[in-house]
Amino acid sequence: MTVKRKLLLTGGRGMVGQNILEHARAQDWDIAAPGRAELDLTNAQAVTAYIAQWRPDVVVHAAGEVGGIQANMAHPVDFLVRNTDMGRNVVLAARAAGVKRLLNLSSSCMYPRDAQNPLTEDLILKGELEPTNEGYAIAKIFTTRLCQYITREDPQYHYKTLIPCNLYGRHDKFDPQRSHLVPAVIAKIHRAKTQGLLEVDIWGDGTARREFMYAGDLADAIFHALQVFDQLPDLCNVGLGHDHSIDDYYATVADVIGWSGQFVHDVSKPAGMKRKLVDVSRQTTLGWKPRTSLREGIAQTYDFYLKEAAR
């Protein structure tokens, strides 16, 4: 009988974590995915004790305080401090317990706001960050650098970071005060359809471009990365390799939902970075690419919304 390797997954109740747990390859691992009630990741002593007791073969750090532009602008302290605390505690506790492999999930928010697209991994800390999510980005940079420093100090520790593009999918947050673009658009257009509204507003002029990948594809990328861990570089983008305008996302969601009203642009509202497209050269070299089209992903996300989140 083959003994399964032990994996500690942080953020197991979040969108990414739940997509990881739903993935077919999850059954190949003995996974511990404690929720916040079981393990407070901002409590260093508790995290150290948990990892020391569980003694996983690998840690996947997918936990984080996440949200869209509104949430980041309204609560910069939480996004900076909580994400820094979680990253620090998990990474240092893993090292203290002698865990030799750790996969840290970061964010393309780490890239400079004015960097040339597509964004290559060497651009981190090469320019000013986007102000609307600076706190979150600084926290992610901290954890990413911490992983690199640990490996630099002692090469027997292989602490590596995946940098996903923007995400959406099943188990997403649809509250407009906390959600990212795609789930926010789904909730907004669903509301417009059910309430018979003829207009929906779009923040900005709609020309900003974003790369949103279905969360189920990221879960697949994570299991692929674990399979080829020795070949995985210390930093690796995960994305589509192409992007869409904000207007495109609204139009696709409207088509999936079946709403045929008009869009009105509110140029007084912030729209974030003009473009954020990650370079996927390293991902391609590792032999992985996403499978879910935008329309298919939005349809699956909307189906989840209708069953689990719509009120």
Protein backbone atom coordinates (compact mmCIF):
# COMPACT_ATOMS: atom_id res chain seq x y z
CA MET A 1 0.00 0.00 0.00
CA THR A 2 1.43 3.37 -1.04
CA VAL A 3 1.67 5.95 1.72
CA LYS A 4 0.41 9.32 0.55
CA ARG A 5 2.65 12.34 0.97
CA LYS A 6 1.39 14.92 3.46
CA LEU A 7 0.42 18.39 2.24
CA LEU A 8 -0.50 21.36 4.40
CA LEU A 9 -2.78 23.74 2.51
CA THR A 10 -3.39 27.18 3.99
CA GLY A 11 -6.46 29.05 2.82
CA GLY A 12 -8.40 25.85 2.29
CA ARG A 13 -11.73 27.66 2.77
CA GLY A 14 -10.92 30.32 0.18
CA MET A 15 -11.58 30.24 -3.54
CA VAL A 16 -8.16 28.91 -4.52
CA GLY A 17 -8.03 26.47 -1.63
CA GLN A 18 -11.43 24.97 -2.36
CA ASN A 19 -10.57 24.59 -6.03
CA ILE A 20 -7.40 22.76 -4.99
CA LEU A 21 -9.38 20.42 -2.73
CA GLU A 22 -11.91 19.75 -5.53
CA HIS A 23 -9.22 18.87 -8.06
CA ALA A 24 -8.92 15.23 -9.09
CA ARG A 25 -5.25 15.08 -8.06
CA ALA A 26 -6.06 16.07 -4.48
CA GLN A 27 -6.82 12.42 -3.76
CA ASP A 28 -3.14 11.61 -4.36
CA TRP A 29 -2.20 13.55 -1.21
CA ASP A 30 -2.96 13.41 2.50
CA ILE A 31 -4.12 17.01 2.83
CA ALA A 32 -4.63 19.07 5.96
CA ALA A 33 -6.53 22.28 5.21
CA PRO A 34 -7.41 23.93 8.53
CA GLY A 35 -9.91 26.77 8.46
CA ARG A 36 -9.53 30.01 10.39
CA ALA A 37 -11.49 28.63 13.35
CA GLU A 38 -9.03 25.75 13.63
CA LEU A 39 -5.83 27.66 12.92
CA ASP A 40 -5.37 31.43 13.03
CA LEU A 41 -2.51 32.07 10.61
CA THR A 42 -1.83 35.47 12.17
CA ASN A 43 -0.90 33.69 15.42
CA ALA A 44 2.77 32.75 15.02
CA GLN A 45 2.84 30.41 18.03
CA ALA A 46 -0.22 28.50 16.85
CA VAL A 47 1.11 28.14 13.31
CA THR A 48 4.48 26.92 14.55
CA ALA A 49 2.87 24.32 16.80
CA TYR A 50 0.48 23.10 14.08
CA ILE A 51 3.16 22.59 11.44
CA ALA A 52 5.54 20.98 13.93
CA GLN A 53 2.83 18.47 14.87
CA TRP A 54 1.55 17.78 11.34
CA ARG A 55 5.03 17.62 9.78
CA PRO A 56 3.94 17.88 6.14
CA ASP A 57 6.14 16.92 3.20
CA VAL A 58 5.16 20.15 1.47
CA VAL A 59 3.32 23.35 2.34
CA VAL A 60 1.12 25.19 -0.17
CA HIS A 61 0.50 28.70 1.14
CA ALA A 62 -2.71 29.84 -0.55
CA ALA A 63 -4.21 31.88 2.30
CA GLY A 64 -4.65 35.61 2.08
CA GLU A 65 -6.81 38.63 2.76
CA VAL A 66 -8.08 39.36 -0.75
CA GLY A 67 -10.44 41.76 -2.47
CA GLY A 68 -10.94 44.13 -5.35
CA ILE A 69 -10.17 47.83 -5.73
CA GLN A 70 -12.88 48.99 -3.29
CA ALA A 71 -11.74 46.66 -0.51
CA ASN A 72 -8.04 47.43 -0.99
CA MET A 73 -8.64 51.17 -0.93
CA ALA A 74 -10.92 51.02 2.10
CA HIS A 75 -8.78 48.68 4.24
CA PRO A 76 -5.09 49.07 3.33
CA VAL A 77 -3.93 48.31 6.87
CA ASP A 78 -5.64 44.91 6.93
CA PHE A 79 -4.34 43.99 3.50
CA LEU A 80 -0.78 44.90 4.44
CA VAL A 81 -0.59 43.60 8.00
CA ARG A 82 -2.70 40.45 7.82
CA ASN A 83 -1.08 39.19 4.63
CA THR A 84 2.40 39.97 5.93
CA ASP A 85 1.69 38.19 9.22
CA MET A 86 0.26 35.12 7.50
CA GLY A 87 3.12 34.81 5.04
CA ARG A 88 5.79 35.33 7.69
CA ASN A 89 4.26 32.88 10.14
CA VAL A 90 3.67 30.07 7.65
CA VAL A 91 7.06 30.31 5.95
CA LEU A 92 9.11 30.60 9.14
CA ALA A 93 7.13 27.84 10.87
CA ALA A 94 7.74 25.54 7.90
CA ARG A 95 11.46 26.20 8.10
CA ALA A 96 11.48 25.68 11.87
CA ALA A 97 9.77 22.30 11.40
CA GLY A 98 12.30 21.25 8.76
CA VAL A 99 9.81 21.23 5.87
CA LYS A 100 12.04 21.27 2.81
CA ARG A 101 9.44 22.15 0.15
CA LEU A 102 7.05 25.08 0.17
CA LEU A 103 4.98 26.53 -2.64
CA ASN A 104 3.96 30.13 -2.00
CA LEU A 105 1.11 31.64 -4.01
CA SER A 106 1.68 35.31 -4.65
CA SER A 107 0.01 37.79 -7.02
CA SER A 108 0.71 39.77 -10.16
CA CYS A 109 -0.09 42.84 -8.03
CA MET A 110 3.60 42.66 -7.08
CA TYR A 111 4.60 44.07 -10.46
CA PRO A 112 5.29 47.80 -10.96
CA ARG A 113 2.34 49.79 -12.24
CA ASP A 114 4.25 51.20 -15.23
CA ALA A 115 6.20 48.07 -16.16
CA GLN A 116 6.20 46.98 -19.78
CA ASN A 117 3.81 44.15 -20.58
CA PRO A 118 3.99 41.18 -20.62
CA LEU A 119 5.35 41.16 -17.08
CA THR A 120 8.44 39.01 -16.56
CA GLU A 121 9.46 37.68 -13.17
CA ASP A 122 12.63 39.81 -13.02
CA LEU A 123 10.57 43.04 -12.87
CA ILE A 124 9.57 42.66 -9.21
CA LEU A 125 10.77 45.68 -7.18
CA LYS A 126 11.82 47.49 -10.35
CA GLY A 127 9.28 50.31 -10.03
CA GLU A 128 6.41 51.98 -8.16
CA LEU A 129 3.46 49.79 -7.23
CA GLU A 130 -0.18 50.41 -8.15
CA PRO A 131 -1.53 52.67 -5.33
CA THR A 132 -4.98 51.05 -5.21
CA ASN A 133 -3.55 47.73 -3.94
CA GLU A 134 -0.11 48.74 -2.67
CA GLY A 135 -0.53 47.28 0.83
CA TYR A 136 -1.49 43.87 -0.51
CA ALA A 137 1.36 43.97 -3.01
CA ILE A 138 3.97 44.87 -0.38
CA ALA A 139 2.84 41.96 1.79
CA LYS A 140 3.10 39.56 -1.15
CA ILE A 141 6.56 40.86 -2.03
CA PHE A 142 7.64 40.34 1.57
CA THR A 143 6.61 36.68 1.60
CA THR A 144 8.10 36.05 -1.84
CA ARG A 145 11.44 37.55 -0.84
CA LEU A 146 11.40 35.64 2.46
CA CYS A 147 11.08 32.39 0.52
CA GLN A 148 13.99 33.37 -1.71
CA TYR A 149 16.17 34.38 1.24
CA ILE A 150 15.57 31.10 3.06
CA THR A 151 16.59 29.10 0.00
CA ARG A 152 19.61 31.35 -0.49
CA GLU A 153 20.76 30.82 3.08
CA ASP A 154 20.24 27.05 3.00
CA PRO A 155 19.77 25.39 -0.44
CA GLN A 156 18.25 22.28 1.12
CA TYR A 157 15.10 24.36 1.58
CA HIS A 158 13.25 24.70 -1.72
CA TYR A 159 10.78 27.53 -1.13
CA LYS A 160 9.28 28.64 -4.44
CA THR A 161 6.62 31.10 -5.55
CA LEU A 162 3.91 30.96 -8.19
CA ILE A 163 2.63 34.36 -9.37
CA PRO A 164 -0.91 33.92 -10.71
CA CYS A 165 -2.66 36.50 -12.81
CA ASN A 166 -6.09 37.71 -11.66
CA LEU A 167 -8.47 34.90 -10.77
CA TYR A 168 -12.19 34.11 -10.69
CA GLY A 169 -14.27 30.97 -10.39
CA ARG A 170 -16.24 28.67 -8.14
CA HIS A 171 -16.19 29.66 -4.45
CA ASP A 172 -15.45 33.27 -5.36
CA LYS A 173 -16.67 36.26 -3.33
CA PHE A 174 -19.57 38.11 -4.93
CA ASP A 175 -20.03 40.91 -2.39
CA PRO A 176 -19.24 44.13 -4.32
CA GLN A 177 -17.44 45.51 -1.28
CA ARG A 178 -14.96 42.60 -1.30
CA SER A 179 -15.00 41.01 -4.72
CA HIS A 180 -12.70 41.20 -7.71
CA LEU A 181 -13.86 42.30 -11.16
CA VAL A 182 -15.43 39.16 -12.64
CA PRO A 183 -17.57 38.06 -9.64
CA ALA A 184 -18.57 41.68 -9.07
CA VAL A 185 -19.72 41.96 -12.69
CA ILE A 186 -21.64 38.68 -12.43
CA ALA A 187 -23.50 39.87 -9.33
CA LYS A 188 -24.14 43.31 -10.84
CA ILE A 189 -25.53 42.03 -14.15
CA HIS A 190 -27.55 39.28 -12.47
CA ARG A 191 -29.13 41.98 -10.29
CA ALA A 192 -29.82 44.11 -13.37
CA LYS A 193 -31.56 41.20 -15.07
CA THR A 194 -33.68 40.18 -12.09
CA GLN A 195 -34.65 43.79 -11.30
CA GLY A 196 -35.33 44.73 -14.91
CA LEU A 197 -32.63 47.42 -15.01
CA LEU A 198 -31.74 48.82 -18.43
CA GLU A 199 -28.31 50.22 -17.55
CA VAL A 200 -25.20 48.98 -15.73
CA ASP A 201 -22.26 51.23 -14.82
CA ILE A 202 -18.62 50.39 -15.54
CA TRP A 203 -15.82 52.01 -13.52
CA GLY A 204 -13.44 53.86 -15.86
CA ASP A 205 -13.67 54.00 -19.63
CA GLY A 206 -13.65 50.22 -20.06
CA THR A 207 -10.40 50.08 -22.05
CA ALA A 208 -8.13 48.87 -19.22
CA ARG A 209 -7.06 45.31 -19.90
CA ARG A 210 -6.95 42.43 -17.46
CA GLU A 211 -5.93 38.78 -17.53
CA PHE A 212 -8.39 36.70 -15.52
CA MET A 213 -7.84 32.95 -15.24
CA TYR A 214 -10.36 30.39 -13.99
CA ALA A 215 -9.41 29.22 -10.48
CA GLY A 216 -9.81 25.58 -11.44
CA ASP A 217 -6.97 26.07 -13.90
CA LEU A 218 -4.75 27.50 -11.17
CA ALA A 219 -5.45 24.42 -9.05
CA ASP A 220 -4.33 22.30 -11.99
CA ALA A 221 -1.17 24.42 -12.33
CA ILE A 222 -0.38 23.92 -8.63
CA PHE A 223 -0.57 20.14 -8.85
CA HIS A 224 1.56 20.25 -12.00
CA ALA A 225 4.11 22.41 -10.16
CA LEU A 226 4.23 19.91 -7.30
CA GLN A 227 4.82 17.14 -9.82
CA VAL A 228 7.77 18.96 -11.45
CA PHE A 229 8.92 20.73 -8.30
CA ASP A 230 12.63 20.20 -8.90
CA GLN A 231 12.38 21.88 -12.31
CA LEU A 232 10.26 24.76 -10.99
CA PRO A 233 12.14 28.10 -10.83
CA ASP A 234 12.02 30.15 -7.65
CA LEU A 235 9.55 32.52 -9.35
CA CYS A 236 7.05 31.48 -12.00
CA ASN A 237 4.10 33.35 -13.45
CA VAL A 238 0.87 31.44 -14.01
CA GLY A 239 -1.55 32.90 -16.52
CA LEU A 240 -3.28 32.84 -19.87
CA GLY A 241 -0.74 34.70 -21.94
CA HIS A 242 -3.49 36.96 -23.29
CA ASP A 243 -5.93 39.48 -21.84
CA HIS A 244 -9.28 41.20 -22.41
CA SER A 245 -10.60 44.71 -21.90
CA ILE A 246 -12.92 45.52 -19.00
CA ASP A 247 -15.66 46.07 -21.58
CA ASP A 248 -15.04 42.53 -22.90
CA TYR A 249 -15.62 41.02 -19.46
CA TYR A 250 -18.87 42.92 -19.01
CA ALA A 251 -20.04 41.91 -22.49
CA THR A 252 -19.21 38.22 -21.95
CA VAL A 253 -20.96 38.11 -18.56
CA ALA A 254 -24.02 39.83 -20.04
CA ASP A 255 -24.11 37.28 -22.85
CA VAL A 256 -23.83 34.32 -20.45
CA ILE A 257 -26.53 35.72 -18.13
CA GLY A 258 -28.78 36.86 -20.95
CA TRP A 259 -29.00 40.56 -20.12
CA SER A 260 -29.24 42.95 -23.08
CA GLY A 261 -29.19 46.41 -21.49
CA GLN A 262 -26.68 49.21 -21.98
CA PHE A 263 -23.38 49.96 -20.27
CA VAL A 264 -22.53 53.42 -18.94
CA HIS A 265 -18.93 54.33 -18.14
CA ASP A 266 -18.21 56.26 -14.94
CA VAL A 267 -14.82 57.82 -15.66
CA SER A 268 -14.76 59.50 -12.24
CA LYS A 269 -14.10 56.12 -10.60
CA PRO A 270 -10.62 54.47 -10.38
CA ALA A 271 -9.88 51.63 -12.79
CA GLY A 272 -6.46 50.54 -11.49
CA MET A 273 -3.54 49.69 -13.75
CA LYS A 274 -4.06 50.24 -17.47
CA ARG A 275 -2.81 46.75 -18.25
CA LYS A 276 -1.47 43.75 -16.33
CA LEU A 277 -0.49 40.79 -18.49
CA VAL A 278 2.01 38.23 -17.21
CA ASP A 279 4.67 36.57 -19.31
CA VAL A 280 4.09 32.80 -19.37
CA SER A 281 7.41 31.66 -20.86
CA ARG A 282 8.51 29.78 -17.73
CA GLN A 283 5.10 28.17 -17.32
CA THR A 284 5.20 27.01 -20.95
CA THR A 285 8.68 25.55 -20.48
CA LEU A 286 7.32 23.49 -17.59
CA GLY A 287 4.70 22.02 -19.95
CA TRP A 288 1.53 23.53 -18.53
CA LYS A 289 -1.22 25.74 -19.97
CA PRO A 290 -4.78 26.63 -18.87
CA ARG A 291 -7.72 24.84 -20.47
CA THR A 292 -10.80 26.89 -19.60
CA SER A 293 -12.08 29.55 -22.02
CA LEU A 294 -13.42 32.85 -20.69
CA ARG A 295 -17.01 32.05 -21.61
CA GLU A 296 -16.83 28.53 -20.17
CA GLY A 297 -15.27 29.81 -16.94
CA ILE A 298 -17.85 32.56 -16.53
CA ALA A 299 -20.67 30.09 -17.20
CA GLN A 300 -19.36 27.73 -14.49
CA THR A 301 -18.89 30.63 -12.08
CA TYR A 302 -22.39 31.94 -12.73
CA ASP A 303 -23.80 28.45 -12.17
CA PHE A 304 -22.02 28.39 -8.79
CA TYR A 305 -23.36 31.86 -8.02
CA LEU A 306 -26.96 30.82 -8.73
CA LYS A 307 -26.67 27.71 -6.57
CA GLU A 308 -24.58 29.01 -3.68
CA ALA A 309 -24.36 32.79 -3.54
CA ALA A 310 -27.38 34.50 -5.13
CA ARG A 311 -29.97 35.84 -2.70
